[in-house]
């Protein structure tokens, strides 16, 4: 199932477009899933959306996963949501592109309305379960 997340994200996210981004894995000309950072960010995004369904939009999710500052209700929420941050040195727009790739790959759905929020789809839950279980042995 890790191949599924890799294929989905790689199909809609070809890696950071800026040259010299740390963690970009050297080859940013496509197939960013060779980059462990992209896979870790996709995994963190799926976990965040699964554990906080309907609580945030795509930009807030991208900010949290990227470790960018986000307003919180209180210190407890800041600590709780801070655990989803992945050590990436990517611009926010690149992390947002990764979230968009998860939406395009139908692992995450975005609700309609004036304030769209993210929810995990069945495919997203299956992928997350496979990622949490670890690599499959033959």
C-alpha atoms as a PDB file:
ATOM      1  CA  UNK A   1       0.000   0.000   0.000  1.00  0.00           C
ATOM      2  CA  UNK A   2       3.001   2.309   0.358  1.00  0.00           C
ATOM      3  CA  UNK A   3       3.278   2.090  -3.407  1.00  0.00           C
ATOM      4  CA  UNK A   4      -0.265   3.507  -3.544  1.00  0.00           C
ATOM      5  CA  UNK A   5       0.611   6.640  -1.597  1.00  0.00           C
ATOM      6  CA  UNK A   6       3.818   6.972  -3.594  1.00  0.00           C
ATOM      7  CA  UNK A   7       1.996   6.645  -6.915  1.00  0.00           C
ATOM      8  CA  UNK A   8      -0.806   8.992  -5.889  1.00  0.00           C
ATOM      9  CA  UNK A   9       1.432  11.706  -4.586  1.00  0.00           C
ATOM     10  CA  UNK A  10       4.017  11.329  -7.339  1.00  0.00           C
ATOM     11  CA  UNK A  11       1.261  11.608  -9.925  1.00  0.00           C
ATOM     12  CA  UNK A  12       0.141  15.012  -8.670  1.00  0.00           C
ATOM     13  CA  UNK A  13       3.272  16.225  -6.927  1.00  0.00           C
ATOM     14  CA  UNK A  14       6.569  16.095  -8.731  1.00  0.00           C
ATOM     15  CA  UNK A  15       8.606  17.519  -5.873  1.00  0.00           C
ATOM     16  CA  UNK A  16       9.666  20.955  -4.802  1.00  0.00           C
ATOM     17  CA  UNK A  17      10.212  23.138  -7.849  1.00  0.00           C
ATOM     18  CA  UNK A  18      12.714  25.462  -6.212  1.00  0.00           C
ATOM     19  CA  UNK A  19      16.351  24.569  -6.683  1.00  0.00           C
ATOM     20  CA  UNK A  20      18.375  24.160  -3.533  1.00  0.00           C
ATOM     21  CA  UNK A  21      15.540  23.193  -1.182  1.00  0.00           C
ATOM     22  CA  UNK A  22      16.955  21.028   1.567  1.00  0.00           C
ATOM     23  CA  UNK A  23      15.375  17.595   1.692  1.00  0.00           C
ATOM     24  CA  UNK A  24      14.514  17.710  -1.993  1.00  0.00           C
ATOM     25  CA  UNK A  25      16.448  14.511  -2.559  1.00  0.00           C
ATOM     26  CA  UNK A  26      18.824  15.832  -5.202  1.00  0.00           C
ATOM     27  CA  UNK A  27      16.664  15.110  -8.245  1.00  0.00           C
ATOM     28  CA  UNK A  28      13.732  17.500  -8.315  1.00  0.00           C
ATOM     29  CA  UNK A  29      12.915  16.870 -11.950  1.00  0.00           C
ATOM     30  CA  UNK A  30      10.023  14.555 -11.098  1.00  0.00           C
ATOM     31  CA  UNK A  31       9.195  11.469  -9.062  1.00  0.00           C
ATOM     32  CA  UNK A  32       9.589  13.196  -5.716  1.00  0.00           C
ATOM     33  CA  UNK A  33       8.557  10.079  -3.845  1.00  0.00           C
ATOM     34  CA  UNK A  34      12.227   9.135  -4.003  1.00  0.00           C
ATOM     35  CA  UNK A  35      12.377  11.904  -1.443  1.00  0.00           C
ATOM     36  CA  UNK A  36      11.680  10.589   2.030  1.00  0.00           C
ATOM     37  CA  UNK A  37      10.457  14.062   3.019  1.00  0.00           C
ATOM     38  CA  UNK A  38       7.540  13.951   0.588  1.00  0.00           C
ATOM     39  CA  UNK A  39       6.491  10.527   1.808  1.00  0.00           C
ATOM     40  CA  UNK A  40       6.767  11.616   5.452  1.00  0.00           C
ATOM     41  CA  UNK A  41       4.745  14.767   4.725  1.00  0.00           C
ATOM     42  CA  UNK A  42       2.039  12.750   2.937  1.00  0.00           C
ATOM     43  CA  UNK A  43       1.905  10.302   5.871  1.00  0.00           C
ATOM     44  CA  UNK A  44       1.697  13.168   8.397  1.00  0.00           C
ATOM     45  CA  UNK A  45      -1.074  14.824   6.377  1.00  0.00           C
ATOM     46  CA  UNK A  46      -3.113  11.623   6.258  1.00  0.00           C
ATOM     47  CA  UNK A  47      -2.675  11.162  10.038  1.00  0.00           C
ATOM     48  CA  UNK A  48      -3.639  14.790  10.721  1.00  0.00           C
ATOM     49  CA  UNK A  49      -6.796  14.627   8.617  1.00  0.00           C
ATOM     50  CA  UNK A  50      -7.784  11.224  10.039  1.00  0.00           C
ATOM     51  CA  UNK A  51      -7.372  12.334  13.647  1.00  0.00           C
ATOM     52  CA  UNK A  52      -8.974  15.777  13.132  1.00  0.00           C
ATOM     53  CA  UNK A  53     -11.677  15.239  10.476  1.00  0.00           C
ATOM     54  CA  UNK A  54     -13.461  18.357   9.317  1.00  0.00           C
ATOM     55  CA  UNK A  55     -11.418  20.613  11.582  1.00  0.00           C
ATOM     56  CA  UNK A  56      -9.136  22.323   9.080  1.00  0.00           C
ATOM     57  CA  UNK A  57      -8.727  23.408   5.514  1.00  0.00           C
ATOM     58  CA  UNK A  58      -5.902  22.583   3.150  1.00  0.00           C
ATOM     59  CA  UNK A  59      -3.776  25.639   3.982  1.00  0.00           C
ATOM     60  CA  UNK A  60      -3.945  25.068   7.749  1.00  0.00           C
ATOM     61  CA  UNK A  61      -3.074  21.389   7.231  1.00  0.00           C
ATOM     62  CA  UNK A  62      -0.106  22.357   5.040  1.00  0.00           C
ATOM     63  CA  UNK A  63       1.069  24.897   7.635  1.00  0.00           C
ATOM     64  CA  UNK A  64       0.879  22.325  10.442  1.00  0.00           C
ATOM     65  CA  UNK A  65       2.692  19.597   8.493  1.00  0.00           C
ATOM     66  CA  UNK A  66       5.372  22.057   7.383  1.00  0.00           C
ATOM     67  CA  UNK A  67       5.893  23.360  10.910  1.00  0.00           C
ATOM     68  CA  UNK A  68       4.748  26.869  10.002  1.00  0.00           C
ATOM     69  CA  UNK A  69       3.137  29.070  12.692  1.00  0.00           C
ATOM     70  CA  UNK A  70      -0.601  28.554  13.082  1.00  0.00           C
ATOM     71  CA  UNK A  71      -2.899  30.267  15.595  1.00  0.00           C
ATOM     72  CA  UNK A  72      -4.131  27.871  18.288  1.00  0.00           C
ATOM     73  CA  UNK A  73      -6.948  28.059  20.820  1.00  0.00           C
ATOM     74  CA  UNK A  74      -4.605  27.260  23.700  1.00  0.00           C
ATOM     75  CA  UNK A  75      -1.216  25.779  24.569  1.00  0.00           C
ATOM     76  CA  UNK A  76      -2.622  22.254  24.756  1.00  0.00           C
ATOM     77  CA  UNK A  77      -3.858  22.459  21.175  1.00  0.00           C
ATOM     78  CA  UNK A  78      -0.490  23.865  20.069  1.00  0.00           C
ATOM     79  CA  UNK A  79       1.316  20.860  21.547  1.00  0.00           C
ATOM     80  CA  UNK A  80      -1.249  18.394  20.143  1.00  0.00           C
ATOM     81  CA  UNK A  81      -1.098  19.765  16.596  1.00  0.00           C
ATOM     82  CA  UNK A  82       2.656  20.375  16.717  1.00  0.00           C
ATOM     83  CA  UNK A  83       3.297  16.629  16.663  1.00  0.00           C
ATOM     84  CA  UNK A  84       2.256  16.480  12.990  1.00  0.00           C
ATOM     85  CA  UNK A  85       5.104  18.736  11.851  1.00  0.00           C
ATOM     86  CA  UNK A  86       7.696  17.118   9.588  1.00  0.00           C
ATOM     87  CA  UNK A  87      11.210  18.526   9.339  1.00  0.00           C
ATOM     88  CA  UNK A  88      11.086  19.935   5.823  1.00  0.00           C
ATOM     89  CA  UNK A  89      12.772  22.991   4.490  1.00  0.00           C
ATOM     90  CA  UNK A  90      10.149  23.546   1.796  1.00  0.00           C
ATOM     91  CA  UNK A  91       8.172  26.678   1.030  1.00  0.00           C
ATOM     92  CA  UNK A  92       4.544  26.555   2.127  1.00  0.00           C
ATOM     93  CA  UNK A  93       3.322  26.487  -1.484  1.00  0.00           C
ATOM     94  CA  UNK A  94       5.122  23.166  -2.055  1.00  0.00           C
ATOM     95  CA  UNK A  95       3.530  21.537   0.981  1.00  0.00           C
ATOM     96  CA  UNK A  96       0.167  22.879  -0.189  1.00  0.00           C
ATOM     97  CA  UNK A  97       0.817  21.255  -3.597  1.00  0.00           C
ATOM     98  CA  UNK A  98       1.399  17.959  -1.799  1.00  0.00           C
ATOM     99  CA  UNK A  99      -1.948  18.321   0.043  1.00  0.00           C
ATOM    100  CA  UNK A 100      -3.574  19.093  -3.320  1.00  0.00           C
ATOM    101  CA  UNK A 101      -2.027  15.908  -4.753  1.00  0.00           C
ATOM    102  CA  UNK A 102      -3.633  13.888  -1.933  1.00  0.00           C
ATOM    103  CA  UNK A 103      -6.965  15.531  -2.778  1.00  0.00           C
ATOM    104  CA  UNK A 104      -6.501  14.840  -6.504  1.00  0.00           C
ATOM    105  CA  UNK A 105      -5.547  11.235  -5.682  1.00  0.00           C
ATOM    106  CA  UNK A 106      -8.797  10.896  -3.728  1.00  0.00           C
ATOM    107  CA  UNK A 107      -7.099  10.016  -0.455  1.00  0.00           C
ATOM    108  CA  UNK A 108      -8.371  13.239   1.070  1.00  0.00           C
ATOM    109  CA  UNK A 109     -11.633  14.992   0.219  1.00  0.00           C
ATOM    110  CA  UNK A 110     -12.351  18.680   0.536  1.00  0.00           C
ATOM    111  CA  UNK A 111     -15.904  19.612   1.526  1.00  0.00           C
ATOM    112  CA  UNK A 112     -17.889  22.183  -0.417  1.00  0.00           C
ATOM    113  CA  UNK A 113     -19.121  25.464   0.985  1.00  0.00           C
ATOM    114  CA  UNK A 114     -17.817  28.807   2.145  1.00  0.00           C
ATOM    115  CA  UNK A 115     -15.231  27.212   4.442  1.00  0.00           C
ATOM    116  CA  UNK A 116     -14.047  23.903   2.937  1.00  0.00           C
ATOM    117  CA  UNK A 117     -12.428  21.422   5.298  1.00  0.00           C
ATOM    118  CA  UNK A 118     -10.551  18.160   4.784  1.00  0.00           C
ATOM    119  CA  UNK A 119     -11.750  14.639   5.524  1.00  0.00           C
ATOM    120  CA  UNK A 120     -10.072  11.308   4.834  1.00  0.00           C
ATOM    121  CA  UNK A 121     -11.643   9.046   2.213  1.00  0.00           C
ATOM    122  CA  UNK A 122     -11.861   5.250   2.402  1.00  0.00           C
ATOM    123  CA  UNK A 123      -8.797   5.007   0.166  1.00  0.00           C
ATOM    124  CA  UNK A 124      -7.013   7.400   2.491  1.00  0.00           C
ATOM    125  CA  UNK A 125      -7.886   5.285   5.541  1.00  0.00           C
ATOM    126  CA  UNK A 126      -6.673   2.110   3.820  1.00  0.00           C
ATOM    127  CA  UNK A 127      -3.426   3.797   2.824  1.00  0.00           C
ATOM    128  CA  UNK A 128      -2.907   5.208   6.298  1.00  0.00           C
ATOM    129  CA  UNK A 129      -3.482   1.782   7.858  1.00  0.00           C
ATOM    130  CA  UNK A 130      -0.912   0.270   5.505  1.00  0.00           C
ATOM    131  CA  UNK A 131       1.603   3.025   6.276  1.00  0.00           C
ATOM    132  CA  UNK A 132       1.078   2.582  10.015  1.00  0.00           C
ATOM    133  CA  UNK A 133       1.530  -1.196   9.699  1.00  0.00           C
ATOM    134  CA  UNK A 134       4.957  -0.711   8.088  1.00  0.00           C
ATOM    135  CA  UNK A 135       6.534  -2.372   5.072  1.00  0.00           C
ATOM    136  CA  UNK A 136       5.059  -5.688   3.946  1.00  0.00           C
ATOM    137  CA  UNK A 137       7.417  -8.648   3.773  1.00  0.00           C
ATOM    138  CA  UNK A 138       7.071 -11.185   0.924  1.00  0.00           C
END
